[in-house]
Amino acid sequence: MVFAKYMLLMAGMALVVACGGMGTQGSADHWHAKVYRGTEGKVGDQKSVAHTSATKLSDARTRVSVTLPGLLPRGDYAWGVYEGSCTGTIVGAESAYPNLVPDANSRGSFTAMVDANFVPEGNYYVTIFRTGGARTEVLGCVPFEQGVGDDSEE
């Protein structure tokens, strides 16, 4: 019995080492963010309106994904990744980010292929705009963070 527990402990430790430890640092070529209403990030027990991630595929191409866990099921939501601030310079072409249209259950997802070089030192923000499809009024915006994302449902 003691031997079995010891082997289980060793297997668990090997898994932690193989996965790079238990920290939240990840690849310099991966970013993540949870977008909440407003520009302050999470406030209180507020639920996120979008989960986003970006993975640099090459010096000229980045895959950006967004999942909607609960936007209103009506309307189109413009979105994008911006450099410098919530409405700074859009990264890549605006046309790479088609409007998000939640389904009847307020959910949806989209993956954009952006012709742009995301650099580790970059100052990137994910912005979702209020319904209507225009890029005028911010619904939510947060900075992209490098590394492994938080996959919780909130």
N, C-alpha and C. Protein backbone atom coordinates (compact mmCIF):
# COMPACT_ATOMS: atom_id res chain seq x y z
N MET A 1 0.83 -1.20 0.00
CA MET A 1 0.00 0.00 0.00
C MET A 1 0.86 1.25 0.00
N VAL A 2 1.91 1.26 0.83
CA VAL A 2 2.81 2.41 0.91
C VAL A 2 3.51 2.59 -0.43
N PHE A 3 3.92 1.48 -1.06
CA PHE A 3 4.59 1.55 -2.35
C PHE A 3 3.68 2.16 -3.42
N ALA A 4 2.41 1.78 -3.42
CA ALA A 4 1.45 2.33 -4.40
C ALA A 4 1.28 3.83 -4.21
N LYS A 5 1.18 4.28 -2.96
CA LYS A 5 1.06 5.72 -2.70
C LYS A 5 2.31 6.46 -3.14
N TYR A 6 3.47 5.86 -2.89
CA TYR A 6 4.73 6.47 -3.28
C TYR A 6 4.80 6.60 -4.81
N MET A 7 4.41 5.56 -5.52
CA MET A 7 4.44 5.59 -7.00
C MET A 7 3.47 6.63 -7.54
N LEU A 8 2.31 6.74 -6.92
CA LEU A 8 1.34 7.74 -7.34
C LEU A 8 1.89 9.15 -7.11
N LEU A 9 2.53 9.38 -5.99
CA LEU A 9 3.15 10.66 -5.69
C LEU A 9 4.24 10.98 -6.72
N MET A 10 5.07 10.02 -7.03
CA MET A 10 6.15 10.23 -8.00
C MET A 10 5.59 10.52 -9.39
N ALA A 11 4.54 9.83 -9.79
CA ALA A 11 3.93 10.08 -11.09
C ALA A 11 3.36 11.50 -11.14
N GLY A 12 2.73 11.94 -10.07
CA GLY A 12 2.19 13.31 -10.01
C GLY A 12 3.28 14.34 -10.08
N MET A 13 4.39 14.12 -9.40
CA MET A 13 5.51 15.07 -9.44
C MET A 13 6.12 15.11 -10.83
N ALA A 14 6.21 13.97 -11.48
CA ALA A 14 6.75 13.93 -12.84
C ALA A 14 5.85 14.71 -13.80
N LEU A 15 4.56 14.62 -13.61
CA LEU A 15 3.62 15.35 -14.45
C LEU A 15 3.77 16.85 -14.25
N VAL A 16 3.92 17.30 -13.01
CA VAL A 16 4.11 18.73 -12.73
C VAL A 16 5.39 19.23 -13.39
N VAL A 17 6.47 18.46 -13.27
CA VAL A 17 7.74 18.86 -13.88
C VAL A 17 7.60 18.89 -15.40
N ALA A 18 6.97 17.89 -15.98
CA ALA A 18 6.81 17.83 -17.43
C ALA A 18 5.96 18.97 -17.96
N CYS A 19 5.04 19.46 -17.17
CA CYS A 19 4.16 20.54 -17.60
C CYS A 19 4.73 21.92 -17.26
N GLY A 20 5.95 21.96 -16.77
CA GLY A 20 6.57 23.25 -16.51
C GLY A 20 6.28 23.81 -15.13
N GLY A 21 5.92 22.99 -14.19
CA GLY A 21 5.65 23.49 -12.85
C GLY A 21 4.20 23.87 -12.68
N MET A 22 3.91 24.52 -11.55
CA MET A 22 2.54 24.84 -11.24
C MET A 22 2.24 26.32 -11.39
N GLY A 23 3.20 27.11 -11.90
CA GLY A 23 2.98 28.53 -12.09
C GLY A 23 2.05 28.80 -13.26
N THR A 24 1.75 30.07 -13.47
CA THR A 24 0.85 30.45 -14.56
C THR A 24 1.62 30.98 -15.76
N GLN A 25 2.95 30.90 -15.74
CA GLN A 25 3.72 31.37 -16.88
C GLN A 25 3.57 30.38 -18.01
N GLY A 26 3.39 30.87 -19.19
CA GLY A 26 3.25 30.02 -20.36
C GLY A 26 4.15 30.53 -21.46
N SER A 27 3.82 30.18 -22.64
CA SER A 27 4.59 30.55 -23.81
C SER A 27 4.56 32.05 -24.05
N ALA A 28 5.69 32.57 -24.52
CA ALA A 28 5.76 33.98 -24.89
C ALA A 28 4.94 34.24 -26.15
N ASP A 29 4.51 33.19 -26.81
CA ASP A 29 3.73 33.32 -28.05
C ASP A 29 2.24 33.09 -27.82
N HIS A 30 1.79 33.20 -26.57
CA HIS A 30 0.37 32.99 -26.26
C HIS A 30 -0.10 34.09 -25.31
N TRP A 31 -1.29 34.62 -25.58
CA TRP A 31 -1.91 35.64 -24.73
C TRP A 31 -3.32 35.21 -24.40
N HIS A 32 -3.85 35.70 -23.30
CA HIS A 32 -5.24 35.39 -22.92
C HIS A 32 -5.84 36.59 -22.19
N ALA A 33 -7.16 36.64 -22.18
CA ALA A 33 -7.87 37.66 -21.41
C ALA A 33 -9.33 37.24 -21.27
N LYS A 34 -9.91 37.62 -20.14
CA LYS A 34 -11.35 37.54 -19.95
C LYS A 34 -11.85 38.97 -19.96
N VAL A 35 -12.83 39.21 -20.81
CA VAL A 35 -13.36 40.57 -20.95
C VAL A 35 -14.61 40.70 -20.08
N TYR A 36 -14.65 41.75 -19.29
CA TYR A 36 -15.79 42.07 -18.43
C TYR A 36 -16.38 43.39 -18.90
N ARG A 37 -17.61 43.66 -18.52
CA ARG A 37 -18.22 44.95 -18.86
C ARG A 37 -17.39 46.07 -18.25
N GLY A 38 -17.12 47.09 -19.04
CA GLY A 38 -16.32 48.21 -18.58
C GLY A 38 -14.85 48.03 -18.92
N THR A 39 -14.03 48.88 -18.37
CA THR A 39 -12.60 48.84 -18.65
C THR A 39 -11.77 48.61 -17.41
N GLU A 40 -12.41 48.21 -16.32
CA GLU A 40 -11.70 48.00 -15.05
C GLU A 40 -11.35 46.54 -14.81
N GLY A 41 -11.70 45.65 -15.71
CA GLY A 41 -11.50 44.22 -15.45
C GLY A 41 -12.64 43.72 -14.58
N LYS A 42 -12.40 42.64 -13.85
CA LYS A 42 -13.45 42.05 -13.02
C LYS A 42 -13.72 42.92 -11.80
N VAL A 43 -14.99 43.22 -11.59
CA VAL A 43 -15.42 43.99 -10.43
C VAL A 43 -16.43 43.14 -9.66
N GLY A 44 -16.14 42.84 -8.40
CA GLY A 44 -17.05 42.03 -7.58
C GLY A 44 -17.22 40.63 -8.14
N ASP A 45 -18.46 40.15 -8.18
CA ASP A 45 -18.72 38.80 -8.68
C ASP A 45 -19.20 38.82 -10.12
N GLN A 46 -18.89 39.86 -10.83
CA GLN A 46 -19.27 40.03 -12.23
C GLN A 46 -18.79 38.86 -13.09
N LYS A 47 -19.60 38.46 -14.04
CA LYS A 47 -19.26 37.38 -14.97
C LYS A 47 -18.65 37.98 -16.24
N SER A 48 -17.75 37.23 -16.85
CA SER A 48 -17.11 37.72 -18.07
C SER A 48 -18.09 37.67 -19.24
N VAL A 49 -17.89 38.57 -20.21
CA VAL A 49 -18.70 38.58 -21.42
C VAL A 49 -17.99 37.88 -22.57
N ALA A 50 -16.67 37.67 -22.42
CA ALA A 50 -15.92 36.97 -23.47
C ALA A 50 -14.62 36.41 -22.91
N HIS A 51 -14.22 35.27 -23.45
CA HIS A 51 -12.92 34.68 -23.16
C HIS A 51 -12.13 34.76 -24.45
N THR A 52 -10.92 35.27 -24.40
CA THR A 52 -10.15 35.44 -25.62
C THR A 52 -8.74 34.87 -25.46
N SER A 53 -8.17 34.48 -26.58
CA SER A 53 -6.79 34.02 -26.58
C SER A 53 -6.17 34.34 -27.93
N ALA A 54 -4.86 34.46 -27.94
CA ALA A 54 -4.12 34.68 -29.18
C ALA A 54 -2.88 33.80 -29.14
N THR A 55 -2.56 33.21 -30.28
CA THR A 55 -1.38 32.39 -30.41
C THR A 55 -0.62 32.83 -31.65
N LYS A 56 0.61 33.23 -31.44
CA LYS A 56 1.47 33.64 -32.56
C LYS A 56 1.85 32.40 -33.35
N LEU A 57 1.50 32.38 -34.63
CA LEU A 57 1.81 31.24 -35.48
C LEU A 57 3.12 31.43 -36.23
N SER A 58 3.43 32.70 -36.56
CA SER A 58 4.67 33.05 -37.23
C SER A 58 4.90 34.54 -37.02
N ASP A 59 5.97 35.07 -37.58
CA ASP A 59 6.22 36.51 -37.44
C ASP A 59 5.22 37.35 -38.21
N ALA A 60 4.39 36.72 -39.02
CA ALA A 60 3.43 37.47 -39.82
C ALA A 60 1.98 37.03 -39.60
N ARG A 61 1.73 36.09 -38.70
CA ARG A 61 0.37 35.55 -38.56
C ARG A 61 0.10 35.17 -37.10
N THR A 62 -1.08 35.56 -36.62
CA THR A 62 -1.51 35.24 -35.26
C THR A 62 -2.97 34.80 -35.30
N ARG A 63 -3.28 33.74 -34.55
CA ARG A 63 -4.66 33.26 -34.44
C ARG A 63 -5.26 33.87 -33.16
N VAL A 64 -6.40 34.55 -33.32
CA VAL A 64 -7.09 35.16 -32.18
C VAL A 64 -8.46 34.52 -32.08
N SER A 65 -8.79 33.99 -30.92
CA SER A 65 -10.08 33.33 -30.70
C SER A 65 -10.86 34.05 -29.62
N VAL A 66 -12.17 34.09 -29.79
CA VAL A 66 -13.04 34.67 -28.77
C VAL A 66 -14.23 33.74 -28.59
N THR A 67 -14.60 33.51 -27.33
CA THR A 67 -15.76 32.70 -26.98
C THR A 67 -16.67 33.57 -26.12
N LEU A 68 -17.94 33.56 -26.43
CA LEU A 68 -18.93 34.35 -25.70
C LEU A 68 -19.71 33.46 -24.76
N PRO A 69 -19.51 33.58 -23.45
CA PRO A 69 -20.28 32.77 -22.52
C PRO A 69 -21.61 33.39 -22.13
N GLY A 70 -21.90 34.61 -22.60
CA GLY A 70 -23.17 35.19 -22.17
C GLY A 70 -23.45 36.61 -22.58
N LEU A 71 -23.22 36.97 -23.84
CA LEU A 71 -23.67 38.28 -24.32
C LEU A 71 -25.14 38.19 -24.67
N LEU A 72 -25.79 39.30 -24.79
CA LEU A 72 -27.21 39.29 -25.17
C LEU A 72 -27.36 38.64 -26.54
N PRO A 73 -28.40 37.83 -26.75
CA PRO A 73 -28.54 37.09 -27.99
C PRO A 73 -29.01 37.93 -29.18
N ARG A 74 -29.11 39.21 -29.01
CA ARG A 74 -29.52 40.03 -30.15
C ARG A 74 -28.39 40.99 -30.48
N GLY A 75 -28.21 41.23 -31.74
CA GLY A 75 -27.23 42.22 -32.16
C GLY A 75 -25.90 41.65 -32.58
N ASP A 76 -25.13 42.51 -33.19
CA ASP A 76 -23.78 42.21 -33.62
C ASP A 76 -22.82 42.99 -32.73
N TYR A 77 -21.72 42.36 -32.37
CA TYR A 77 -20.73 43.01 -31.52
C TYR A 77 -19.41 43.09 -32.28
N ALA A 78 -18.95 44.29 -32.56
CA ALA A 78 -17.62 44.46 -33.14
C ALA A 78 -16.59 44.16 -32.06
N TRP A 79 -15.41 43.73 -32.47
CA TRP A 79 -14.37 43.39 -31.52
C TRP A 79 -13.02 43.48 -32.21
N GLY A 80 -11.98 43.42 -31.45
CA GLY A 80 -10.65 43.40 -32.02
C GLY A 80 -9.58 43.47 -30.95
N VAL A 81 -8.34 43.31 -31.39
CA VAL A 81 -7.18 43.46 -30.53
C VAL A 81 -6.53 44.79 -30.92
N TYR A 82 -6.25 45.59 -29.91
CA TYR A 82 -5.69 46.92 -30.13
C TYR A 82 -4.36 47.05 -29.42
N GLU A 83 -3.47 47.84 -29.98
CA GLU A 83 -2.18 48.07 -29.35
C GLU A 83 -2.18 49.43 -28.67
N GLY A 84 -1.71 49.46 -27.42
CA GLY A 84 -1.56 50.70 -26.69
C GLY A 84 -2.70 51.07 -25.77
N SER A 85 -3.94 50.78 -26.17
CA SER A 85 -5.10 51.10 -25.34
C SER A 85 -6.32 50.37 -25.91
N CYS A 86 -7.45 50.54 -25.25
CA CYS A 86 -8.69 49.85 -25.66
C CYS A 86 -9.12 50.22 -27.08
N THR A 87 -8.80 51.42 -27.50
CA THR A 87 -9.18 51.86 -28.85
C THR A 87 -7.97 52.42 -29.59
N GLY A 88 -6.79 51.91 -29.26
CA GLY A 88 -5.56 52.35 -29.92
C GLY A 88 -5.54 51.89 -31.37
N THR A 89 -4.41 51.45 -31.84
CA THR A 89 -4.26 50.98 -33.21
C THR A 89 -4.68 49.53 -33.29
N ILE A 90 -5.61 49.20 -34.18
CA ILE A 90 -6.04 47.81 -34.31
C ILE A 90 -4.88 46.97 -34.84
N VAL A 91 -4.73 45.78 -34.30
CA VAL A 91 -3.66 44.88 -34.71
C VAL A 91 -4.15 44.08 -35.91
N GLY A 92 -3.50 44.25 -37.05
CA GLY A 92 -3.95 43.62 -38.28
C GLY A 92 -5.04 44.45 -38.92
N ALA A 93 -5.75 43.85 -39.84
CA ALA A 93 -6.82 44.54 -40.54
C ALA A 93 -8.13 44.44 -39.76
N GLU A 94 -8.90 45.50 -39.74
CA GLU A 94 -10.21 45.48 -39.08
C GLU A 94 -11.09 44.36 -39.64
N SER A 95 -10.95 44.10 -40.93
CA SER A 95 -11.76 43.06 -41.58
C SER A 95 -11.42 41.66 -41.07
N ALA A 96 -10.30 41.48 -40.39
CA ALA A 96 -9.95 40.17 -39.83
C ALA A 96 -10.83 39.81 -38.64
N TYR A 97 -11.55 40.81 -38.10
CA TYR A 97 -12.38 40.62 -36.91
C TYR A 97 -13.86 40.83 -37.27
N PRO A 98 -14.51 39.87 -37.91
CA PRO A 98 -15.93 40.03 -38.23
C PRO A 98 -16.75 40.15 -36.94
N ASN A 99 -17.88 40.81 -37.04
CA ASN A 99 -18.74 40.98 -35.87
C ASN A 99 -19.14 39.65 -35.26
N LEU A 100 -19.24 39.66 -33.93
CA LEU A 100 -19.69 38.49 -33.18
C LEU A 100 -21.20 38.53 -33.08
N VAL A 101 -21.84 37.40 -33.34
CA VAL A 101 -23.30 37.32 -33.28
C VAL A 101 -23.67 36.16 -32.36
N PRO A 102 -24.05 36.45 -31.11
CA PRO A 102 -24.42 35.38 -30.18
C PRO A 102 -25.66 34.62 -30.67
N ASP A 103 -25.72 33.34 -30.32
CA ASP A 103 -26.89 32.54 -30.69
C ASP A 103 -28.03 32.79 -29.69
N ALA A 104 -29.10 32.04 -29.83
CA ALA A 104 -30.28 32.22 -28.97
C ALA A 104 -29.97 31.95 -27.49
N ASN A 105 -28.89 31.21 -27.23
CA ASN A 105 -28.49 30.92 -25.85
C ASN A 105 -27.42 31.89 -25.34
N SER A 106 -27.22 32.98 -26.07
CA SER A 106 -26.25 34.02 -25.72
C SER A 106 -24.81 33.55 -25.82
N ARG A 107 -24.56 32.54 -26.62
CA ARG A 107 -23.21 32.02 -26.76
C ARG A 107 -22.74 32.15 -28.21
N GLY A 108 -21.46 32.06 -28.39
CA GLY A 108 -20.89 32.09 -29.72
C GLY A 108 -19.38 32.05 -29.65
N SER A 109 -18.74 31.82 -30.78
CA SER A 109 -17.29 31.82 -30.82
C SER A 109 -16.83 32.14 -32.23
N PHE A 110 -15.60 32.64 -32.32
CA PHE A 110 -15.03 32.95 -33.61
C PHE A 110 -13.52 32.92 -33.48
N THR A 111 -12.86 32.50 -34.55
CA THR A 111 -11.40 32.53 -34.62
C THR A 111 -11.01 33.39 -35.80
N ALA A 112 -10.17 34.38 -35.54
CA ALA A 112 -9.67 35.28 -36.58
C ALA A 112 -8.22 34.93 -36.87
N MET A 113 -7.86 34.95 -38.14
CA MET A 113 -6.47 34.80 -38.54
C MET A 113 -5.98 36.21 -38.88
N VAL A 114 -5.10 36.74 -38.05
CA VAL A 114 -4.67 38.13 -38.17
C VAL A 114 -3.27 38.17 -38.77
N ASP A 115 -3.13 38.91 -39.85
CA ASP A 115 -1.82 39.09 -40.47
C ASP A 115 -1.06 40.18 -39.72
N ALA A 116 -0.49 39.80 -38.60
CA ALA A 116 0.26 40.75 -37.77
C ALA A 116 1.21 39.98 -36.87
N ASN A 117 2.28 40.63 -36.49
CA ASN A 117 3.28 40.05 -35.62
C ASN A 117 3.03 40.49 -34.18
N PHE A 118 2.50 39.63 -33.36
CA PHE A 118 2.36 39.90 -31.93
C PHE A 118 3.74 39.68 -31.31
N VAL A 119 4.25 40.68 -30.63
CA VAL A 119 5.57 40.56 -30.02
C VAL A 119 5.41 40.45 -28.50
N PRO A 120 6.30 39.71 -27.84
CA PRO A 120 6.17 39.51 -26.40
C PRO A 120 6.12 40.81 -25.60
N GLU A 121 6.80 41.84 -26.05
CA GLU A 121 6.81 43.10 -25.32
C GLU A 121 5.57 43.94 -25.63
N GLY A 122 4.69 43.45 -26.48
CA GLY A 122 3.54 44.24 -26.92
C GLY A 122 2.58 44.59 -25.80
N ASN A 123 1.89 45.69 -25.99
CA ASN A 123 0.91 46.20 -25.03
C ASN A 123 -0.46 46.08 -25.70
N TYR A 124 -1.08 44.89 -25.62
CA TYR A 124 -2.29 44.58 -26.37
C TYR A 124 -3.53 44.58 -25.48
N TYR A 125 -4.64 45.01 -26.06
CA TYR A 125 -5.93 45.04 -25.37
C TYR A 125 -6.97 44.35 -26.23
N VAL A 126 -7.87 43.61 -25.59
CA VAL A 126 -9.01 43.02 -26.28
C VAL A 126 -10.21 43.91 -25.98
N THR A 127 -10.88 44.36 -27.04
CA THR A 127 -12.03 45.24 -26.88
C THR A 127 -13.24 44.66 -27.58
N ILE A 128 -14.36 44.65 -26.87
CA ILE A 128 -15.65 44.30 -27.47
C ILE A 128 -16.52 45.54 -27.36
N PHE A 129 -17.14 45.89 -28.48
CA PHE A 129 -17.95 47.10 -28.53
C PHE A 129 -19.42 46.77 -28.34
N ARG A 130 -20.17 47.74 -27.93
CA ARG A 130 -21.61 47.55 -27.71
C ARG A 130 -22.29 47.12 -29.00
N THR A 131 -23.45 46.52 -28.85
CA THR A 131 -24.19 45.98 -29.98
C THR A 131 -24.46 47.06 -31.03
N GLY A 132 -24.56 46.61 -32.26
CA GLY A 132 -24.78 47.51 -33.38
C GLY A 132 -23.70 47.38 -34.43
N GLY A 133 -22.61 46.75 -34.07
CA GLY A 133 -21.55 46.47 -35.04
C GLY A 133 -20.57 47.61 -35.25
N ALA A 134 -20.80 48.77 -34.66
CA ALA A 134 -19.87 49.89 -34.83
C ALA A 134 -18.78 49.83 -33.77
N ARG A 135 -17.64 50.37 -34.08
CA ARG A 135 -16.51 50.40 -33.14
C ARG A 135 -16.45 51.77 -32.48
N THR A 136 -17.55 52.11 -31.80
CA THR A 136 -17.64 53.44 -31.21
C THR A 136 -17.75 53.41 -29.69
N GLU A 137 -18.61 52.57 -29.13
CA GLU A 137 -18.84 52.55 -27.69
C GLU A 137 -18.37 51.22 -27.11
N VAL A 138 -17.40 51.29 -26.21
CA VAL A 138 -16.79 50.10 -25.62
C VAL A 138 -17.75 49.43 -24.64
N LEU A 139 -17.98 48.13 -24.85
CA LEU A 139 -18.73 47.32 -23.88
C LEU A 139 -17.78 46.81 -22.81
N GLY A 140 -16.64 46.29 -23.24
CA GLY A 140 -15.65 45.79 -22.30
C GLY A 140 -14.28 45.76 -22.94
N CYS A 141 -13.26 45.97 -22.12
CA CYS A 141 -11.89 45.98 -22.61
C CYS A 141 -10.95 45.60 -21.47
N VAL A 142 -9.99 44.73 -21.76
CA VAL A 142 -8.96 44.36 -20.79
C VAL A 142 -7.65 44.13 -21.52
N PRO A 143 -6.53 44.26 -20.81
CA PRO A 143 -5.25 43.95 -21.45
C PRO A 143 -5.09 42.45 -21.66
N PHE A 144 -4.46 42.10 -22.78
CA PHE A 144 -4.07 40.71 -23.00
C PHE A 144 -2.91 40.42 -22.06
N GLU A 145 -2.89 39.22 -21.47
CA GLU A 145 -1.80 38.78 -20.61
C GLU A 145 -1.09 37.62 -21.28
N GLN A 146 0.23 37.62 -21.19
CA GLN A 146 0.98 36.51 -21.76
C GLN A 146 0.91 35.30 -20.85
N GLY A 147 0.95 34.14 -21.46
CA GLY A 147 1.03 32.91 -20.69
C GLY A 147 -0.23 32.08 -20.77
N VAL A 148 -0.39 31.23 -19.79
CA VAL A 148 -1.50 30.28 -19.74
C VAL A 148 -2.75 30.97 -19.24
N GLY A 149 -3.86 30.72 -19.89
CA GLY A 149 -5.11 31.36 -19.53
C GLY A 149 -5.87 30.66 -18.42
N ASP A 150 -6.86 31.37 -17.89
CA ASP A 150 -7.77 30.86 -16.88
C ASP A 150 -8.98 30.28 -17.62
N ASP A 151 -9.16 28.96 -17.55
CA ASP A 151 -10.23 28.31 -18.29
C ASP A 151 -11.53 28.18 -17.52
N SER A 152 -11.65 28.86 -16.40
CA SER A 152 -12.89 28.74 -15.62
C SER A 152 -14.04 29.36 -16.40
N GLU A 153 -15.24 28.97 -16.07
CA GLU A 153 -16.44 29.39 -16.80
C GLU A 153 -16.95 30.77 -16.45
N GLU A 154 -16.45 31.40 -15.41
CA GLU A 154 -17.00 32.69 -14.96
C GLU A 154 -16.78 33.82 -15.92
